[in-house]
Amino acid sequence: MISILLIGAGTMGTAHARSYQSMDNVELVGIIDLDTQKAAKLAGGGTKIFSSFEDAEEIIDQVDVVDVCVPTFLHKEFVKKAAMNGKHVICEKPLARTLEDAIEMLNICNEKEVKLFVGHVVRFFPEYNLAKMALENGEIGKPGVVRTSRGGGFPRAWNDWYADVQSSGGVILDLIIHDFDYLRWCFGDVERVYAKSLLGRGFARLDYALVTLRFKNGVIAHVEGSWSHEGFSTKLEIAGDKGAIEYDSSQQRPLLATIKGDSTQKGGVNVPRSPLKESPYYRELAHFIDCIETGKQPIVTAEDGVKAVEIAMAALHSVETGQTVYLNDNKELVY
C-alpha cells in the first residue's frame, strides 16, 4: 500500500485525489490546503486535513509520496520539503516557474535519492499515444511539419495567480508546455525557438501565443495556445511524406490517419482511431505508483520535465526580445 500526502485541493488536486481514491493499492492519508473546508470536502474516510506542510509533519513518517498540486511558483518550495523528508514526489506540470528552479529541484531529488515525477498528462491521453504509435510504425513516412492547438477560457484560481505572468508564465508555460513535452517525446530535442504572444500588450484576461519549434531532426512545429475562448479543445496535425495524422478533440471521431494513395488511387483512406475511456490522470498516477513499486523507468522522467521548462523559457525570451532563441545541450539558453 502506497501512502500519499496531497498538497493542494484545487482543480488538479481534485483530479489527483479522485484518482487515488479509486486505486486499490493507494491510501490518501492527508491533504494540505489553506482552505481546510474545501480540502475536507475532497477527503475520504481516514484522510487527515492540514493547513500547512509543517502541520502535516505529524504523519510524515506514514507517507511514501508527496503529490504537489499547488500554483507553479510554489512548486520548488514543496518539492524541496518533500525531498528533504526523504519522500518521493509527484509534481504537477510545469515543474517550475524558471529553468534554474527546475534544475535545482531535480538536483535536490537526486541528492536525496527520491524519485521525481512530473505530471505531463498528455503522454497518457490515448489519442496522443495512438498518434505516436502511428509515427513509430512509419504509417505517414518521414514527418516534416507539425501543427498543434490548445485553448479555452482564461483560468480562474486562488488569488487569480494565472493573471500574473511572473507567477504562472502565462499560456506558454502553463498551457502549451503540454505540447512542448509531447512533441519532444515524438521528435527529440529542440534546436531553436521563435515565439509571438499577447504578453505585455495590455489585454486583460486574454492570452495567446504562437511558438515555432525547429527540432534537431529537422521537423518544424507550430504550437498555438489560447486563453481567450469559451470551451476547451486541442488539435494535432502531423504531416509526413506518406500521409498525415489529425486529431481534433471537438470531433466525434477525433483521431484520423490519412495515408497518401499511389498513382492508381484517387485519394487518401481515412482510418478512424477509437480513444479509450479511462481517465488519463488515473493512468498517469497509476503509472507513477507502479514505477515506485517496481523501480521501472517512468514514461515521463524528471529530466523531461526540465526540458519542457527549458523550451517554454526559450519561447518567453523570444517573445520578450523578438529574436530566435537557440538551445544547447547544457540546459542553458543561448541568446
Protein backbone atom coordinates (compact mmCIF):
# COMPACT_ATOMS: atom_id res chain seq x y z
CA MET A 1 0.00 0.00 0.00
CA ILE A 2 1.39 3.39 -1.08
CA SER A 3 0.53 6.34 1.18
CA ILE A 4 0.01 9.76 -0.43
CA LEU A 5 0.15 13.26 1.04
CA LEU A 6 -1.55 15.64 -1.39
CA ILE A 7 -0.68 19.34 -1.35
CA GLY A 8 -3.40 21.46 -2.94
CA ALA A 9 -7.16 20.89 -3.20
CA GLY A 10 -7.81 22.95 -6.32
CA THR A 11 -8.67 21.74 -9.80
CA MET A 12 -5.66 19.46 -10.28
CA GLY A 13 -5.60 18.41 -6.64
CA THR A 14 -9.20 17.29 -7.01
CA ALA A 15 -8.39 15.29 -10.16
CA HIS A 16 -5.49 13.60 -8.39
CA ALA A 17 -7.46 12.89 -5.20
CA ARG A 18 -10.33 11.28 -7.12
CA SER A 19 -7.85 9.09 -8.99
CA TYR A 20 -6.12 7.95 -5.80
CA GLN A 21 -9.46 7.22 -4.13
CA SER A 22 -10.28 4.74 -6.90
CA MET A 23 -6.98 2.82 -6.62
CA ASP A 24 -6.82 -0.33 -4.53
CA ASN A 25 -3.11 -0.06 -3.71
CA VAL A 26 -3.08 3.61 -2.65
CA GLU A 27 -4.16 5.41 0.52
CA LEU A 28 -4.64 9.17 0.57
CA VAL A 29 -3.52 9.81 4.13
CA GLY A 30 -3.53 13.61 4.09
CA ILE A 31 -4.45 16.76 2.17
CA ILE A 32 -2.81 20.13 2.73
CA ASP A 33 -4.63 23.32 1.72
CA LEU A 34 -5.09 26.77 3.20
CA ASP A 35 -8.83 26.26 2.64
CA THR A 36 -9.32 23.35 5.02
CA GLN A 37 -13.07 23.26 4.42
CA LYS A 38 -12.53 22.70 0.70
CA ALA A 39 -9.93 20.03 1.45
CA ALA A 40 -12.33 18.32 3.89
CA LYS A 41 -15.00 18.04 1.17
CA LEU A 42 -12.44 16.33 -1.06
CA ALA A 43 -11.14 13.95 1.60
CA GLY A 44 -12.44 10.44 2.11
CA GLY A 45 -12.65 8.48 5.33
CA GLY A 46 -9.36 8.35 7.17
CA THR A 47 -7.78 11.26 5.26
CA LYS A 48 -6.45 13.97 7.56
CA ILE A 49 -6.65 17.68 6.69
CA PHE A 50 -3.86 20.19 7.29
CA SER A 51 -3.38 23.88 6.55
CA SER A 52 0.41 23.71 6.17
CA PHE A 53 3.24 21.27 5.48
CA GLU A 54 4.55 21.84 8.99
CA ASP A 55 1.18 20.75 10.46
CA ALA A 56 1.30 17.61 8.31
CA GLU A 57 4.67 16.56 9.70
CA GLU A 58 2.81 14.62 12.37
CA ILE A 59 2.00 11.99 9.70
CA ILE A 60 5.10 12.40 7.50
CA ASP A 61 6.53 9.07 8.70
CA GLN A 62 3.46 7.34 7.24
CA VAL A 63 3.90 8.96 3.82
CA ASP A 64 5.56 7.35 0.79
CA VAL A 65 4.77 10.04 -1.79
CA VAL A 66 4.09 13.77 -1.67
CA ASP A 67 1.93 14.98 -4.56
CA VAL A 68 2.37 18.71 -5.30
CA CYS A 69 -0.68 20.36 -6.91
CA VAL A 70 -0.19 24.00 -5.87
CA PRO A 71 0.39 27.03 -8.14
CA THR A 72 3.55 26.83 -10.25
CA PHE A 73 5.56 29.43 -8.33
CA LEU A 74 5.18 27.34 -5.15
CA HIS A 75 6.38 24.04 -6.66
CA LYS A 76 10.02 24.38 -5.66
CA GLU A 77 9.22 25.10 -2.02
CA PHE A 78 7.15 21.95 -1.55
CA VAL A 79 9.24 19.65 -3.74
CA LYS A 80 12.27 20.60 -1.64
CA LYS A 81 10.39 19.98 1.62
CA ALA A 82 9.25 16.57 0.41
CA ALA A 83 12.74 15.60 -0.78
CA MET A 84 14.35 16.77 2.45
CA ASN A 85 11.97 14.42 4.27
CA GLY A 86 13.03 11.55 2.01
CA LYS A 87 9.71 11.28 0.17
CA HIS A 88 9.14 10.53 -3.49
CA VAL A 89 7.48 13.43 -5.31
CA ILE A 90 4.80 13.77 -7.95
CA CYS A 91 4.70 17.37 -9.17
CA GLU A 92 2.11 18.84 -11.50
CA LYS A 93 3.40 20.47 -14.66
CA PRO A 94 5.13 22.77 -15.28
CA LEU A 95 7.88 21.54 -12.99
CA ALA A 96 8.89 25.11 -12.05
CA ARG A 97 8.48 28.77 -12.95
CA THR A 98 12.10 29.07 -14.09
CA LEU A 99 14.66 26.75 -15.63
CA GLU A 100 17.04 27.41 -12.74
CA ASP A 101 14.40 26.30 -10.21
CA ALA A 102 13.61 23.18 -12.25
CA ILE A 103 17.28 22.14 -12.31
CA GLU A 104 17.62 22.82 -8.58
CA MET A 105 14.56 20.64 -7.84
CA LEU A 106 15.95 17.82 -9.97
CA ASN A 107 19.31 18.03 -8.23
CA ILE A 108 17.81 18.00 -4.74
CA CYS A 109 15.72 14.92 -5.50
CA ASN A 110 18.75 13.15 -6.96
CA GLU A 111 20.86 14.12 -3.94
CA LYS A 112 18.25 12.78 -1.52
CA GLU A 113 17.74 9.68 -3.70
CA VAL A 114 14.00 10.19 -4.10
CA LYS A 115 12.05 9.85 -7.33
CA LEU A 116 10.62 12.96 -9.00
CA PHE A 117 7.69 12.53 -11.39
CA VAL A 118 6.24 15.39 -13.47
CA GLY A 119 2.58 15.44 -14.48
CA HIS A 120 2.80 15.85 -18.24
CA VAL A 121 -0.50 14.07 -18.67
CA VAL A 122 -0.81 14.44 -22.45
CA ARG A 123 1.54 11.47 -22.82
CA PHE A 124 -1.22 9.41 -21.18
CA PHE A 125 -4.07 10.52 -23.44
CA PRO A 126 -4.90 7.53 -25.68
CA GLU A 127 -5.31 9.68 -28.80
CA TYR A 128 -1.83 11.15 -28.43
CA ASN A 129 -0.43 7.71 -27.70
CA LEU A 130 -2.02 6.34 -30.86
CA ALA A 131 -0.56 9.21 -32.88
CA LYS A 132 2.92 8.48 -31.52
CA MET A 133 2.50 4.78 -32.30
CA ALA A 134 1.49 5.64 -35.86
CA LEU A 135 4.65 7.73 -36.18
CA GLU A 136 6.84 4.95 -34.81
CA ASN A 137 5.21 2.41 -37.14
CA GLY A 138 6.01 4.60 -40.13
CA GLU A 139 2.38 4.98 -41.14
CA ILE A 140 2.91 8.51 -42.50
CA GLY A 141 6.53 8.07 -43.50
CA LYS A 142 9.08 10.68 -42.54
CA PRO A 143 7.42 13.52 -40.57
CA GLY A 144 8.22 17.06 -41.59
CA VAL A 145 5.64 19.57 -40.37
CA VAL A 146 3.50 19.63 -37.22
CA ARG A 147 0.74 21.94 -36.05
CA THR A 148 -0.84 21.85 -32.59
CA SER A 149 -3.52 23.96 -30.97
CA ARG A 150 -4.69 24.03 -27.36
CA GLY A 151 -7.07 26.55 -25.89
CA GLY A 152 -10.00 27.55 -23.73
CA GLY A 153 -11.15 30.29 -21.41
CA PHE A 154 -8.88 32.26 -19.12
CA PRO A 155 -8.45 30.16 -15.95
CA ARG A 156 -9.59 31.45 -12.59
CA ALA A 157 -7.95 30.24 -9.40
CA TRP A 158 -6.71 31.20 -5.95
CA ASN A 159 -5.62 34.86 -5.82
CA ASP A 160 -6.09 34.99 -9.62
CA TRP A 161 -2.49 33.78 -9.91
CA TYR A 162 -2.82 32.83 -13.59
CA ALA A 163 -3.23 36.52 -14.42
CA ASP A 164 0.23 37.28 -13.00
CA VAL A 165 2.73 36.15 -15.64
CA GLN A 166 5.54 36.24 -13.08
CA SER A 167 3.67 33.55 -11.14
CA SER A 168 2.18 31.46 -13.94
CA GLY A 169 4.31 32.07 -17.03
CA GLY A 170 1.07 32.65 -18.93
CA VAL A 171 -0.28 30.47 -21.68
CA ILE A 172 3.21 29.47 -22.84
CA LEU A 173 4.45 27.95 -19.60
CA ASP A 174 1.18 26.76 -18.14
CA LEU A 175 -0.78 25.52 -21.16
CA ILE A 176 1.20 24.76 -24.30
CA ILE A 177 4.07 23.27 -22.32
CA HIS A 178 1.87 20.17 -22.70
CA ASP A 179 2.58 20.25 -26.43
CA PHE A 180 6.26 21.10 -25.99
CA ASP A 181 6.67 17.95 -23.91
CA TYR A 182 4.62 15.75 -26.23
CA LEU A 183 6.38 16.93 -29.38
CA ARG A 184 9.80 16.44 -27.80
CA TRP A 185 8.69 12.91 -26.85
CA CYS A 186 7.85 12.30 -30.51
CA PHE A 187 10.69 14.12 -32.29
CA GLY A 188 13.58 14.54 -29.85
CA ASP A 189 15.32 17.70 -28.70
CA VAL A 190 14.54 21.19 -29.93
CA GLU A 191 17.26 23.21 -31.64
CA ARG A 192 15.70 26.67 -31.75
CA VAL A 193 12.54 28.54 -30.77
CA TYR A 194 10.71 31.60 -32.07
CA ALA A 195 7.53 32.95 -30.46
CA LYS A 196 4.94 35.72 -30.52
CA SER A 197 2.24 36.37 -27.94
CA LEU A 198 -0.01 38.95 -26.30
CA LEU A 199 2.44 39.22 -23.42
CA GLY A 200 2.91 42.87 -22.46
CA ARG A 201 0.24 44.18 -24.82
CA GLY A 202 -2.24 45.02 -22.08
CA PHE A 203 -5.11 42.67 -22.88
CA ALA A 204 -6.96 41.94 -19.62
CA ARG A 205 -7.69 38.26 -19.01
CA LEU A 206 -6.72 37.22 -22.53
CA ASP A 207 -3.61 35.36 -23.58
CA TYR A 208 -2.45 33.91 -26.88
CA ALA A 209 0.84 32.59 -28.20
CA LEU A 210 2.19 31.07 -31.39
CA VAL A 211 5.51 29.26 -31.00
CA THR A 212 7.63 27.80 -33.79
CA LEU A 213 9.95 24.94 -32.82
CA ARG A 214 12.74 23.61 -35.02
CA PHE A 215 13.86 20.16 -33.87
CA LYS A 216 17.35 18.82 -34.32
CA ASN A 217 15.99 16.16 -36.69
CA GLY A 218 14.61 18.88 -38.99
CA VAL A 219 10.93 18.71 -38.03
CA ILE A 220 9.21 22.10 -37.76
CA ALA A 221 6.27 22.53 -35.36
CA HIS A 222 3.84 25.42 -34.98
CA VAL A 223 2.38 25.39 -31.46
CA GLU A 224 -0.64 27.59 -30.77
CA GLY A 225 -2.13 28.30 -27.36
CA SER A 226 -5.04 30.46 -26.28
CA TRP A 227 -6.83 31.54 -23.13
CA SER A 228 -9.48 33.52 -24.98
CA HIS A 229 -12.22 31.08 -25.99
CA GLU A 230 -15.28 29.51 -24.43
CA GLY A 231 -14.89 25.76 -24.01
CA PHE A 232 -11.70 23.78 -24.34
CA SER A 233 -10.27 21.96 -27.32
CA THR A 234 -7.00 20.57 -28.64
CA LYS A 235 -5.79 19.77 -32.13
CA LEU A 236 -2.80 17.92 -33.55
CA GLU A 237 -1.72 17.62 -37.18
CA ILE A 238 1.43 15.77 -38.27
CA ALA A 239 2.34 15.67 -41.95
CA GLY A 240 4.80 13.15 -43.36
CA ASP A 241 5.94 12.19 -46.82
CA LYS A 242 3.46 9.28 -46.92
CA GLY A 243 0.45 10.76 -45.17
CA ALA A 244 -0.84 12.70 -42.19
CA ILE A 245 -2.22 12.23 -38.70
CA GLU A 246 -5.01 14.51 -37.50
CA TYR A 247 -6.58 14.84 -34.08
CA ASP A 248 -9.36 17.24 -33.07
CA SER A 249 -10.90 16.82 -29.63
CA SER A 250 -14.09 18.57 -30.76
CA GLN A 251 -14.90 15.85 -33.30
CA GLN A 252 -16.87 12.68 -32.57
CA ARG A 253 -14.12 10.53 -34.09
CA PRO A 254 -11.18 12.79 -33.35
CA LEU A 255 -8.14 10.78 -34.48
CA LEU A 256 -7.60 10.03 -38.17
CA ALA A 257 -4.64 8.73 -40.12
CA THR A 258 -4.80 9.72 -43.78
CA ILE A 259 -2.46 7.71 -45.99
CA LYS A 260 -1.47 9.01 -49.41
CA GLY A 261 -2.64 6.78 -52.24
CA ASP A 262 -0.41 5.51 -55.04
CA SER A 263 -0.84 6.57 -58.66
CA THR A 264 -3.79 4.18 -59.16
CA GLN A 265 -5.81 5.60 -56.27
CA LYS A 266 -7.96 8.71 -56.19
CA GLY A 267 -7.18 9.97 -52.72
CA GLY A 268 -6.40 9.01 -49.16
CA VAL A 269 -8.03 6.49 -46.87
CA ASN A 270 -9.40 7.77 -43.55
CA VAL A 271 -8.73 5.36 -40.69
CA PRO A 272 -10.63 6.32 -37.50
CA ARG A 273 -8.97 5.50 -34.17
CA SER A 274 -11.27 4.99 -31.20
CA PRO A 275 -9.92 6.51 -27.95
CA LEU A 276 -10.04 4.64 -24.66
CA LYS A 277 -12.34 5.92 -21.91
CA GLU A 278 -10.06 5.52 -18.88
CA SER A 279 -9.06 8.83 -17.27
CA PRO A 280 -5.60 9.98 -18.42
CA TYR A 281 -4.99 11.34 -14.91
CA TYR A 282 -5.71 7.94 -13.40
CA ARG A 283 -3.43 6.29 -15.96
CA GLU A 284 -0.66 8.79 -15.27
CA LEU A 285 -0.76 8.46 -11.48
CA ALA A 286 -1.18 4.68 -11.57
CA HIS A 287 1.92 4.54 -13.79
CA PHE A 288 3.93 6.68 -11.36
CA ILE A 289 2.85 4.47 -8.44
CA ASP A 290 3.84 1.37 -10.41
CA CYS A 291 7.27 2.90 -11.08
CA ILE A 292 7.74 3.46 -7.35
CA GLU A 293 6.73 -0.11 -6.53
CA THR A 294 8.73 -1.81 -9.30
CA GLY A 295 11.63 0.59 -9.92
CA LYS A 296 10.86 0.81 -13.64
CA GLN A 297 11.70 3.91 -15.68
CA PRO A 298 8.73 6.30 -15.97
CA ILE A 299 7.25 7.39 -19.29
CA VAL A 300 7.88 10.98 -18.16
CA THR A 301 11.23 11.49 -16.44
CA ALA A 302 12.24 14.42 -14.25
CA GLU A 303 14.71 15.36 -16.98
CA ASP A 304 11.78 15.55 -19.42
CA GLY A 305 10.10 17.99 -17.06
CA VAL A 306 13.23 20.16 -17.02
CA LYS A 307 13.49 20.10 -20.81
CA ALA A 308 9.87 21.18 -21.20
CA VAL A 309 10.51 24.17 -18.92
CA GLU A 310 13.62 24.99 -20.97
CA ILE A 311 11.58 25.16 -24.19
CA ALA A 312 8.94 27.33 -22.52
CA MET A 313 11.57 29.69 -21.12
CA ALA A 314 13.11 29.98 -24.57
CA ALA A 315 9.70 30.86 -26.00
CA LEU A 316 9.10 33.52 -23.34
CA HIS A 317 12.52 35.00 -24.00
CA SER A 318 11.80 35.05 -27.73
CA VAL A 319 8.56 36.93 -27.09
CA GLU A 320 10.39 39.50 -24.97
CA THR A 321 13.27 40.06 -27.39
CA GLY A 322 11.69 39.34 -30.78
CA GLN A 323 14.65 37.07 -31.52
CA THR A 324 15.12 33.39 -32.23
CA VAL A 325 16.44 31.52 -29.19
CA TYR A 326 18.85 28.61 -29.62
CA LEU A 327 19.05 25.77 -27.11
CA ASN A 328 22.22 23.88 -26.31
CA ASP A 329 22.90 20.59 -24.56
CA ASN A 330 23.83 22.10 -21.18
CA LYS A 331 20.31 23.20 -20.13
CA GLU A 332 21.31 26.80 -20.78
CA LEU A 333 19.66 29.20 -23.17
CA VAL A 334 21.86 30.66 -25.90
CA TYR A 335 20.66 34.17 -26.72
